[in-house]
């Protein structure tokens, strides 16, 4: 797939441009330099084909992470076919803009100069100084008002090599969101899965400030790995609050949620995250990280403590892993793919109703004033999560204990206890 990379100094609107081209709010945007530190990827679909768009951290930022950011931009540019050089169209050129321009000239990649934040067409005559950067005509754009995007896409396709143009639907990929509390080991785990330091890792909590999407293939299965900001009890800044909102949205957009659990720090936060995911119909895989730090003789005790603290999540699969030793990394992806398939299970109607007859024969059905509940038939109209609709004579006769009985039977007999299936009762008159 074509690869287009957005580059520029901090706070020139790179993430806003990224979001607008993708057509969705994917990156955290705030009026604070250095919000984006890692690489973000997304597929842009156009009439002429599709390309992979990469958002990068701001160069020449003075940020303490500047060296790490530069390494990641260097890596992104190695495979780039076109670079979008983003410059604030409403501000004077800065020394940082000139440094970025010189940096890109040395890279020798095709560059499209993008003047951002040009909300008013009347401002376009004032873009003359941008020619000093040496990349030809600047394309005026406004992410806030969706101005100039067609011209920008046309310029991108003119720079892309024609022989690589792709069309048709994007290959389906499993979207796997890594979530957890700050410093639980999410970024280290993602880097280990990829075999490279794709996202910045630090012992300082809160290093990841946005949800980072990375495409990845494992044994023929495509994944989109999503590293998210750690969920704090109380966000301390606006950027943290926005990042946490994006993390929660990443859960809702995921196919499978990988809940990364630090074995030395477990509590209500993990339960809340799991419940949020399960409530959104997303299967959850528990990844107990940093297992290399658990001494062999202490492992049974730590396992027992984890089991007690996560008792409400006992039905969820878990993998004990380590980014450092690479323990069980393959199993994480294998389990994630299995949960994805399980969440897409569809039970034939005939088979479902055979089981329904078995279940109702084993239990006394609820009744109201001598009138019994009757289960007429069942269907499964949806997957992801599997949703079962049971037609009954009187939905109000369904008791909580009877509903729980059916949920247990569906989980056990249909093999769905590891995914958040749904059960719906609907009224229907008996025939005849």
Protein backbone atom coordinates (compact mmCIF):
# COMPACT_ATOMS: atom_id res chain seq x y z
CA UNK A 1 0.00 0.00 0.00
CA UNK A 2 1.16 3.56 -0.69
CA UNK A 3 2.65 5.33 2.32
CA UNK A 4 2.19 9.08 2.89
CA UNK A 5 3.78 10.71 5.95
CA UNK A 6 2.85 14.04 7.57
CA UNK A 7 5.84 15.98 8.94
CA UNK A 8 6.26 19.40 10.53
CA UNK A 9 7.16 21.29 13.66
CA UNK A 10 4.83 21.05 16.69
CA UNK A 11 1.37 22.59 16.73
CA UNK A 12 1.02 23.30 13.00
CA UNK A 13 -2.11 21.15 12.67
CA UNK A 14 -0.66 17.79 11.61
CA UNK A 15 -3.09 15.72 13.68
CA UNK A 16 -6.07 17.84 12.59
CA UNK A 17 -5.04 17.25 8.97
CA UNK A 18 -4.62 13.54 9.69
CA UNK A 19 -8.10 13.34 11.20
CA UNK A 20 -9.71 15.28 8.35
CA UNK A 21 -8.13 13.14 5.63
CA UNK A 22 -9.23 9.98 7.44
CA UNK A 23 -12.71 11.40 7.86
CA UNK A 24 -12.85 10.66 11.58
CA UNK A 25 -11.44 11.97 14.84
CA UNK A 26 -8.59 9.53 15.32
CA UNK A 27 -5.79 11.61 16.84
CA UNK A 28 -5.95 13.76 19.95
CA UNK A 29 -5.85 17.44 19.00
CA UNK A 30 -5.07 20.24 21.46
CA UNK A 31 -3.50 23.68 21.36
CA UNK A 32 -0.43 22.34 23.15
CA UNK A 33 2.86 21.48 21.43
CA UNK A 34 3.97 17.87 21.57
CA UNK A 35 0.62 16.11 21.93
CA UNK A 36 1.61 13.55 19.27
CA UNK A 37 4.81 11.70 20.18
CA UNK A 38 4.43 8.37 18.42
CA UNK A 39 3.45 7.35 14.90
CA UNK A 40 -0.24 7.01 14.06
CA UNK A 41 -1.49 5.24 10.96
CA UNK A 42 -4.79 5.16 9.11
CA UNK A 43 -6.04 4.18 5.66
CA UNK A 44 -7.38 6.97 3.44
CA UNK A 45 -9.92 5.80 0.84
CA UNK A 46 -10.31 7.89 -2.33
CA UNK A 47 -11.84 7.44 -5.78
CA UNK A 48 -8.37 6.74 -7.17
CA UNK A 49 -7.44 4.13 -4.58
CA UNK A 50 -6.21 4.09 -1.02
CA UNK A 51 -3.03 4.94 0.83
CA UNK A 52 -1.66 4.60 4.35
CA UNK A 53 -1.39 7.98 6.09
CA UNK A 54 1.09 8.38 8.95
CA UNK A 55 0.96 11.17 11.53
CA UNK A 56 4.22 11.98 13.31
CA UNK A 57 5.44 13.91 16.32
CA UNK A 58 6.57 17.52 15.97
CA UNK A 59 10.21 18.03 14.93
CA UNK A 60 12.51 20.62 16.49
CA UNK A 61 10.20 20.84 19.46
CA UNK A 62 12.60 21.18 22.34
CA UNK A 63 10.54 18.36 23.88
CA UNK A 64 12.42 16.01 26.22
CA UNK A 65 11.38 13.24 23.81
CA UNK A 66 12.78 15.02 20.75
CA UNK A 67 15.48 12.41 20.09
CA UNK A 68 12.98 9.55 20.25
CA UNK A 69 10.53 11.45 18.07
CA UNK A 70 13.23 12.09 15.45
CA UNK A 71 14.10 8.37 15.37
CA UNK A 72 10.48 7.48 14.68
CA UNK A 73 10.11 10.11 11.96
CA UNK A 74 13.33 8.81 10.37
CA UNK A 75 11.88 5.32 10.37
CA UNK A 76 8.55 6.49 8.95
CA UNK A 77 10.28 8.33 6.11
CA UNK A 78 12.29 5.27 5.07
CA UNK A 79 9.20 3.76 3.42
CA UNK A 80 7.41 7.01 2.58
CA UNK A 81 6.49 7.63 -1.05
CA UNK A 82 5.20 11.15 -0.40
CA UNK A 83 5.76 13.58 2.48
CA UNK A 84 3.18 16.19 3.50
CA UNK A 85 5.21 19.09 4.95
CA UNK A 86 2.71 20.90 7.18
CA UNK A 87 3.30 24.59 7.91
CA UNK A 88 1.01 26.99 9.79
CA UNK A 89 -0.39 29.21 7.02
CA UNK A 90 -1.40 31.94 9.46
CA UNK A 91 1.94 32.32 11.22
CA UNK A 92 5.34 33.62 10.19
CA UNK A 93 7.95 31.05 9.25
CA UNK A 94 10.03 29.96 12.23
CA UNK A 95 13.55 28.64 12.49
CA UNK A 96 12.01 25.24 13.24
CA UNK A 97 10.14 25.33 9.90
CA UNK A 98 13.41 26.06 8.10
CA UNK A 99 15.16 23.23 9.98
CA UNK A 100 12.40 20.79 9.00
CA UNK A 101 12.68 21.92 5.36
CA UNK A 102 16.43 21.26 5.33
CA UNK A 103 15.89 17.90 7.02
CA UNK A 104 13.38 16.87 4.31
CA UNK A 105 15.67 18.01 1.49
CA UNK A 106 18.33 15.64 2.79
CA UNK A 107 15.81 12.79 2.80
CA UNK A 108 15.19 13.25 -0.92
CA UNK A 109 11.51 12.25 -0.79
CA UNK A 110 8.74 13.85 -2.90
CA UNK A 111 7.22 16.64 -0.78
CA UNK A 112 3.84 18.35 -0.90
CA UNK A 113 3.89 21.65 1.00
CA UNK A 114 0.64 22.07 2.98
CA UNK A 115 -0.36 25.44 4.44
CA UNK A 116 -2.68 24.60 7.33
CA UNK A 117 -5.25 26.70 9.22
CA UNK A 118 -6.06 28.86 6.17
CA UNK A 119 -9.74 29.20 7.07
CA UNK A 120 -10.36 32.32 4.96
CA UNK A 121 -9.55 32.35 1.21
CA UNK A 122 -8.60 36.00 1.67
CA UNK A 123 -5.50 34.87 3.56
CA UNK A 124 -4.08 32.93 0.61
CA UNK A 125 -2.23 35.92 -0.96
CA UNK A 126 -0.15 36.11 2.22
CA UNK A 127 1.41 32.68 1.72
CA UNK A 128 4.26 34.05 -0.39
CA UNK A 129 6.97 33.56 2.28
CA UNK A 130 6.33 29.80 2.18
CA UNK A 131 8.03 29.62 -1.24
CA UNK A 132 11.30 30.26 0.61
CA UNK A 133 11.08 26.69 1.90
CA UNK A 134 11.89 25.45 -1.60
CA UNK A 135 9.03 23.01 -2.17
CA UNK A 136 7.00 24.90 -4.75
CA UNK A 137 3.38 26.01 -4.47
CA UNK A 138 1.87 25.64 -0.99
CA UNK A 139 -1.61 24.09 -0.92
CA UNK A 140 -3.87 26.15 1.38
CA UNK A 141 -6.05 23.97 3.61
CA UNK A 142 -8.33 24.25 6.60
CA UNK A 143 -9.06 21.12 8.61
CA UNK A 144 -11.71 22.98 10.59
CA UNK A 145 -13.66 23.86 7.42
CA UNK A 146 -12.51 20.98 5.16
CA UNK A 147 -11.01 23.46 2.68
CA UNK A 148 -8.44 22.45 0.10
CA UNK A 149 -8.66 18.71 0.73
CA UNK A 150 -9.53 17.80 -2.86
CA UNK A 151 -6.57 19.84 -4.14
CA UNK A 152 -4.34 18.19 -1.55
CA UNK A 153 -5.46 14.67 -2.50
CA UNK A 154 -4.89 15.48 -6.17
CA UNK A 155 -1.35 16.67 -5.37
CA UNK A 156 -0.68 13.49 -3.37
CA UNK A 157 -1.78 11.24 -6.24
CA UNK A 158 0.34 13.22 -8.70
CA UNK A 159 3.40 12.46 -6.56
CA UNK A 160 2.59 8.79 -5.93
CA UNK A 161 4.02 6.25 -8.40
CA UNK A 162 1.22 5.11 -10.71
CA UNK A 163 2.41 1.52 -10.87
CA UNK A 164 1.48 0.99 -7.22
CA UNK A 165 -2.08 2.32 -7.32
CA UNK A 166 -4.39 0.02 -5.37
CA UNK A 167 -8.15 -0.21 -5.47
CA UNK A 168 -10.87 -2.37 -4.00
CA UNK A 169 -11.84 -2.87 -0.38
CA UNK A 170 -9.27 -2.85 2.39
CA UNK A 171 -8.23 -6.28 3.61
CA UNK A 172 -10.09 -7.09 6.83
CA UNK A 173 -7.91 -6.80 9.91
CA UNK A 174 -8.56 -7.56 13.57
CA UNK A 175 -8.49 -4.34 15.54
CA UNK A 176 -6.77 -5.12 18.86
CA UNK A 177 -6.79 -2.33 21.47
CA UNK A 178 -4.20 -2.48 24.26
CA UNK A 179 -5.66 -0.78 27.36
CA UNK A 180 -4.77 -0.53 31.02
CA UNK A 181 -3.60 1.78 33.77
CA UNK A 182 -0.54 4.03 33.20
CA UNK A 183 2.76 2.15 33.13
CA UNK A 184 1.11 -1.28 32.95
CA UNK A 185 3.40 -2.20 30.06
CA UNK A 186 1.13 -1.57 27.06
CA UNK A 187 3.72 0.21 24.90
CA UNK A 188 6.46 -2.28 25.76
CA UNK A 189 4.14 -5.11 24.80
CA UNK A 190 3.24 -3.47 21.48
CA UNK A 191 6.91 -2.88 20.65
CA UNK A 192 7.70 -6.50 21.51
CA UNK A 193 4.91 -7.77 19.27
CA UNK A 194 6.24 -5.65 16.41
CA UNK A 195 9.88 -6.50 17.08
CA UNK A 196 10.85 -2.81 17.06
CA UNK A 197 10.52 0.27 19.27
CA UNK A 198 7.53 1.74 17.51
CA UNK A 199 6.18 3.71 20.47
CA UNK A 200 8.10 5.55 23.18
CA UNK A 201 8.50 3.59 26.41
CA UNK A 202 9.38 5.14 29.75
CA UNK A 203 9.02 4.26 33.44
CA UNK A 204 7.25 7.63 33.75
CA UNK A 205 3.47 7.07 33.71
CA UNK A 206 1.56 8.89 30.99
CA UNK A 207 4.22 8.72 28.28
CA UNK A 208 1.68 7.57 25.70
CA UNK A 209 -0.69 10.51 25.16
CA UNK A 210 -2.81 9.26 22.27
CA UNK A 211 -4.15 6.06 20.75
CA UNK A 212 -1.52 4.74 18.33
CA UNK A 213 -2.65 2.56 15.41
CA UNK A 214 -0.10 0.18 13.88
CA UNK A 215 -0.80 -2.35 11.10
CA UNK A 216 0.79 -5.75 11.63
CA UNK A 217 0.56 -9.26 10.19
CA UNK A 218 0.89 -12.52 12.14
CA UNK A 219 0.69 -15.94 10.47
CA UNK A 220 -1.34 -14.58 7.59
CA UNK A 221 -3.78 -12.65 9.80
CA UNK A 222 -3.74 -8.85 9.62
CA UNK A 223 -4.06 -6.88 12.85
CA UNK A 224 -4.32 -3.21 13.70
CA UNK A 225 -2.63 -2.87 17.09
CA UNK A 226 -3.89 0.16 19.03
CA UNK A 227 -1.73 1.41 21.91
CA UNK A 228 -3.73 3.72 24.17
CA UNK A 229 -3.05 6.24 26.90
CA UNK A 230 -3.16 4.79 30.41
CA UNK A 231 -6.45 5.34 32.20
CA UNK A 232 -5.89 7.43 35.33
CA UNK A 233 -8.43 7.85 38.10
CA UNK A 234 -8.32 11.62 37.65
CA UNK A 235 -6.74 13.18 34.53
CA UNK A 236 -4.44 16.05 35.48
CA UNK A 237 -4.47 18.02 32.21
CA UNK A 238 -6.74 18.66 29.24
CA UNK A 239 -4.43 16.59 27.03
CA UNK A 240 -4.71 13.64 29.44
CA UNK A 241 -8.49 13.99 29.55
CA UNK A 242 -8.70 14.01 25.74
CA UNK A 243 -6.34 11.04 25.53
CA UNK A 244 -8.43 9.03 28.01
CA UNK A 245 -11.58 9.79 26.02
CA UNK A 246 -9.77 8.54 22.92
CA UNK A 247 -8.71 5.40 24.79
CA UNK A 248 -12.30 4.66 25.74
CA UNK A 249 -13.37 5.26 22.15
CA UNK A 250 -10.59 2.92 20.99
CA UNK A 251 -12.19 0.22 23.16
CA UNK A 252 -15.55 0.83 21.51
CA UNK A 253 -14.01 0.68 18.01
CA UNK A 254 -11.95 -2.46 18.71
CA UNK A 255 -12.72 -6.02 17.67
CA UNK A 256 -10.87 -7.42 20.69
CA UNK A 257 -9.62 -5.61 23.81
CA UNK A 258 -6.28 -6.63 25.30
CA UNK A 259 -6.43 -5.56 28.94
CA UNK A 260 -2.82 -5.27 30.10
CA UNK A 261 -2.53 -6.04 33.81
CA UNK A 262 0.53 -5.24 35.93
CA UNK A 263 0.68 -8.17 38.41
CA UNK A 264 1.95 -5.79 41.10
CA UNK A 265 -0.83 -3.21 40.61
CA UNK A 266 -4.35 -4.60 40.24
CA UNK A 267 -7.61 -3.11 41.42
CA UNK A 268 -10.92 -1.54 40.51
CA UNK A 269 -9.49 0.19 37.45
CA UNK A 270 -8.97 -3.12 35.65
CA UNK A 271 -12.50 -4.23 36.51
CA UNK A 272 -13.96 -0.94 35.25
CA UNK A 273 -12.05 -1.15 31.96
CA UNK A 274 -13.12 -4.75 31.42
CA UNK A 275 -16.74 -3.88 32.20
CA UNK A 276 -16.62 -0.93 29.79
CA UNK A 277 -15.36 -3.22 27.02
CA UNK A 278 -17.81 -6.03 27.77
CA UNK A 279 -20.66 -3.52 27.94
CA UNK A 280 -19.69 -2.37 24.46
CA UNK A 281 -19.87 -5.97 23.23
CA UNK A 282 -16.09 -6.43 22.94
CA UNK A 283 -14.33 -9.65 23.99
CA UNK A 284 -11.55 -9.08 26.52
CA UNK A 285 -8.22 -10.90 26.75
CA UNK A 286 -6.25 -10.39 29.96
CA UNK A 287 -2.52 -9.95 29.36
CA UNK A 288 -0.64 -10.23 32.65
CA UNK A 289 2.53 -8.29 31.81
CA UNK A 290 6.02 -8.11 33.35
CA UNK A 291 5.88 -11.81 34.26
CA UNK A 292 9.69 -11.93 34.05
CA UNK A 293 9.75 -9.89 37.28
CA UNK A 294 7.87 -12.59 39.19
CA UNK A 295 10.25 -15.05 40.82
CA UNK A 296 9.50 -18.69 40.03
CA UNK A 297 8.87 -19.56 43.66
CA UNK A 298 6.50 -16.59 44.01
CA UNK A 299 4.49 -17.32 40.86
CA UNK A 300 1.81 -19.59 42.47
CA UNK A 301 1.13 -16.98 45.16
CA UNK A 302 0.91 -14.13 42.64
CA UNK A 303 -1.46 -16.19 40.48
CA UNK A 304 -3.73 -16.83 43.47
CA UNK A 305 -3.74 -13.13 44.39
CA UNK A 306 -4.56 -12.14 40.82
CA UNK A 307 -7.37 -14.69 40.71
CA UNK A 308 -8.86 -13.23 43.88
CA UNK A 309 -8.56 -9.61 42.75
CA UNK A 310 -9.98 -10.40 39.31
CA UNK A 311 -12.62 -12.85 40.52
CA UNK A 312 -15.35 -11.09 38.54
CA UNK A 313 -13.30 -11.66 35.38
CA UNK A 314 -12.63 -15.34 36.03
CA UNK A 315 -14.43 -16.33 32.80
CA UNK A 316 -12.04 -14.29 30.64
CA UNK A 317 -8.97 -15.91 29.06
CA UNK A 318 -5.61 -14.72 30.35
CA UNK A 319 -2.04 -14.98 29.16
CA UNK A 320 1.04 -14.46 31.36
CA UNK A 321 3.57 -12.63 29.25
CA UNK A 322 6.73 -10.54 29.19
CA UNK A 323 7.87 -7.94 26.67
CA UNK A 324 11.45 -8.42 27.85
CA UNK A 325 11.68 -12.22 27.45
CA UNK A 326 8.96 -12.40 24.74
CA UNK A 327 7.16 -15.05 26.78
CA UNK A 328 3.81 -16.05 25.21
CA UNK A 329 3.73 -13.19 22.67
CA UNK A 330 2.57 -15.54 19.91
CA UNK A 331 -0.12 -16.91 22.20
CA UNK A 332 -1.47 -13.38 22.79
CA UNK A 333 -2.15 -12.96 19.08
CA UNK A 334 -3.45 -16.51 18.67
CA UNK A 335 -5.89 -16.00 21.54
CA UNK A 336 -6.97 -12.61 20.18
CA UNK A 337 -7.75 -14.17 16.79
CA UNK A 338 -9.66 -16.99 18.51
CA UNK A 339 -11.76 -14.51 20.51
CA UNK A 340 -12.47 -12.55 17.33
CA UNK A 341 -13.79 -15.70 15.64
CA UNK A 342 -15.75 -16.68 18.75
CA UNK A 343 -17.40 -13.25 18.87
CA UNK A 344 -18.51 -13.80 15.26
CA UNK A 345 -20.07 -17.21 16.02
CA UNK A 346 -23.46 -17.77 14.40
CA UNK A 347 -25.62 -20.64 15.70
CA UNK A 348 -28.07 -22.07 13.13
CA UNK A 349 -31.70 -21.47 14.14
CA UNK A 350 -32.57 -25.20 14.15
CA UNK A 351 -29.64 -26.01 16.44
CA UNK A 352 -30.44 -23.11 18.74
CA UNK A 353 -34.05 -24.24 19.14
CA UNK A 354 -32.97 -27.83 19.82
CA UNK A 355 -30.86 -26.55 22.68
CA UNK A 356 -33.73 -24.37 23.86
CA UNK A 357 -35.90 -27.49 24.22
CA UNK A 358 -33.16 -29.19 26.23
CA UNK A 359 -32.69 -26.20 28.53
CA UNK A 360 -36.39 -25.69 29.26
CA UNK A 361 -36.84 -29.43 29.99
CA UNK A 362 -34.23 -29.23 32.76
CA UNK A 363 -35.79 -26.39 34.75
CA UNK A 364 -39.15 -25.29 36.09
CA UNK A 365 -40.32 -22.33 34.04
CA UNK A 366 -41.45 -19.15 35.81
CA UNK A 367 -45.17 -18.48 36.08
CA UNK A 368 -47.36 -15.62 37.16
CA UNK A 369 -50.59 -16.38 39.04
CA UNK A 370 -50.63 -19.88 37.64
CA UNK A 371 -49.92 -18.81 34.06
CA UNK A 372 -46.54 -20.22 32.90
CA UNK A 373 -43.91 -18.55 30.79
CA UNK A 374 -43.67 -20.19 27.37
CA UNK A 375 -40.60 -19.98 25.15
CA UNK A 376 -41.86 -20.13 21.57
CA UNK A 377 -38.60 -20.07 19.59
CA UNK A 378 -35.17 -18.42 19.37
CA UNK A 379 -33.08 -16.78 16.66
CA UNK A 380 -29.66 -15.16 16.41
CA UNK A 381 -29.92 -12.01 14.27
CA UNK A 382 -26.46 -10.55 14.99
CA UNK A 383 -22.83 -11.36 15.72
CA UNK A 384 -20.04 -9.32 17.34
CA UNK A 385 -21.41 -9.73 19.90
CA UNK A 386 -23.63 -12.79 19.32
CA UNK A 387 -27.18 -11.65 20.05
CA UNK A 388 -29.96 -14.14 20.77
CA UNK A 389 -33.63 -13.16 20.60
CA UNK A 390 -36.09 -15.40 22.45
CA UNK A 391 -39.77 -14.99 21.60
CA UNK A 392 -42.00 -15.68 24.59
CA UNK A 393 -45.67 -15.35 25.44
CA UNK A 394 -45.07 -12.81 28.22
CA UNK A 395 -41.64 -11.09 28.51
CA UNK A 396 -42.62 -9.70 31.91
CA UNK A 397 -42.74 -13.27 33.26
CA UNK A 398 -38.98 -13.68 32.75
CA UNK A 399 -37.24 -13.63 36.14
CA UNK A 400 -33.65 -12.65 36.72
CA UNK A 401 -32.77 -16.14 37.94
CA UNK A 402 -34.26 -17.73 34.82
CA UNK A 403 -32.41 -15.27 32.57
CA UNK A 404 -29.16 -16.06 34.39
CA UNK A 405 -29.85 -19.77 33.96
CA UNK A 406 -30.19 -19.34 30.19
CA UNK A 407 -27.05 -17.20 30.04
CA UNK A 408 -25.09 -19.88 31.86
CA UNK A 409 -26.40 -22.56 29.51
CA UNK A 410 -25.60 -20.50 26.41
CA UNK A 411 -22.11 -19.84 27.75
CA UNK A 412 -21.42 -23.46 28.61
CA UNK A 413 -23.32 -25.46 25.97
CA UNK A 414 -22.64 -23.14 23.03
CA UNK A 415 -19.06 -22.37 24.12
CA UNK A 416 -19.59 -18.62 24.38
CA UNK A 417 -18.74 -17.89 28.02
CA UNK A 418 -15.59 -15.98 26.99
CA UNK A 419 -17.45 -13.40 24.86
CA UNK A 420 -20.11 -10.84 25.86
CA UNK A 421 -23.14 -12.33 24.08
CA UNK A 422 -26.54 -10.69 24.52
CA UNK A 423 -29.93 -12.15 25.33
CA UNK A 424 -33.16 -10.35 24.38
CA UNK A 425 -36.74 -11.42 25.20
CA UNK A 426 -39.59 -10.35 22.93
CA UNK A 427 -43.30 -10.93 23.28
CA UNK A 428 -45.29 -12.85 20.70
CA UNK A 429 -48.70 -14.38 20.84
CA UNK A 430 -48.99 -18.12 20.68
CA UNK A 431 -50.22 -19.45 17.38
CA UNK A 432 -53.54 -21.24 17.22
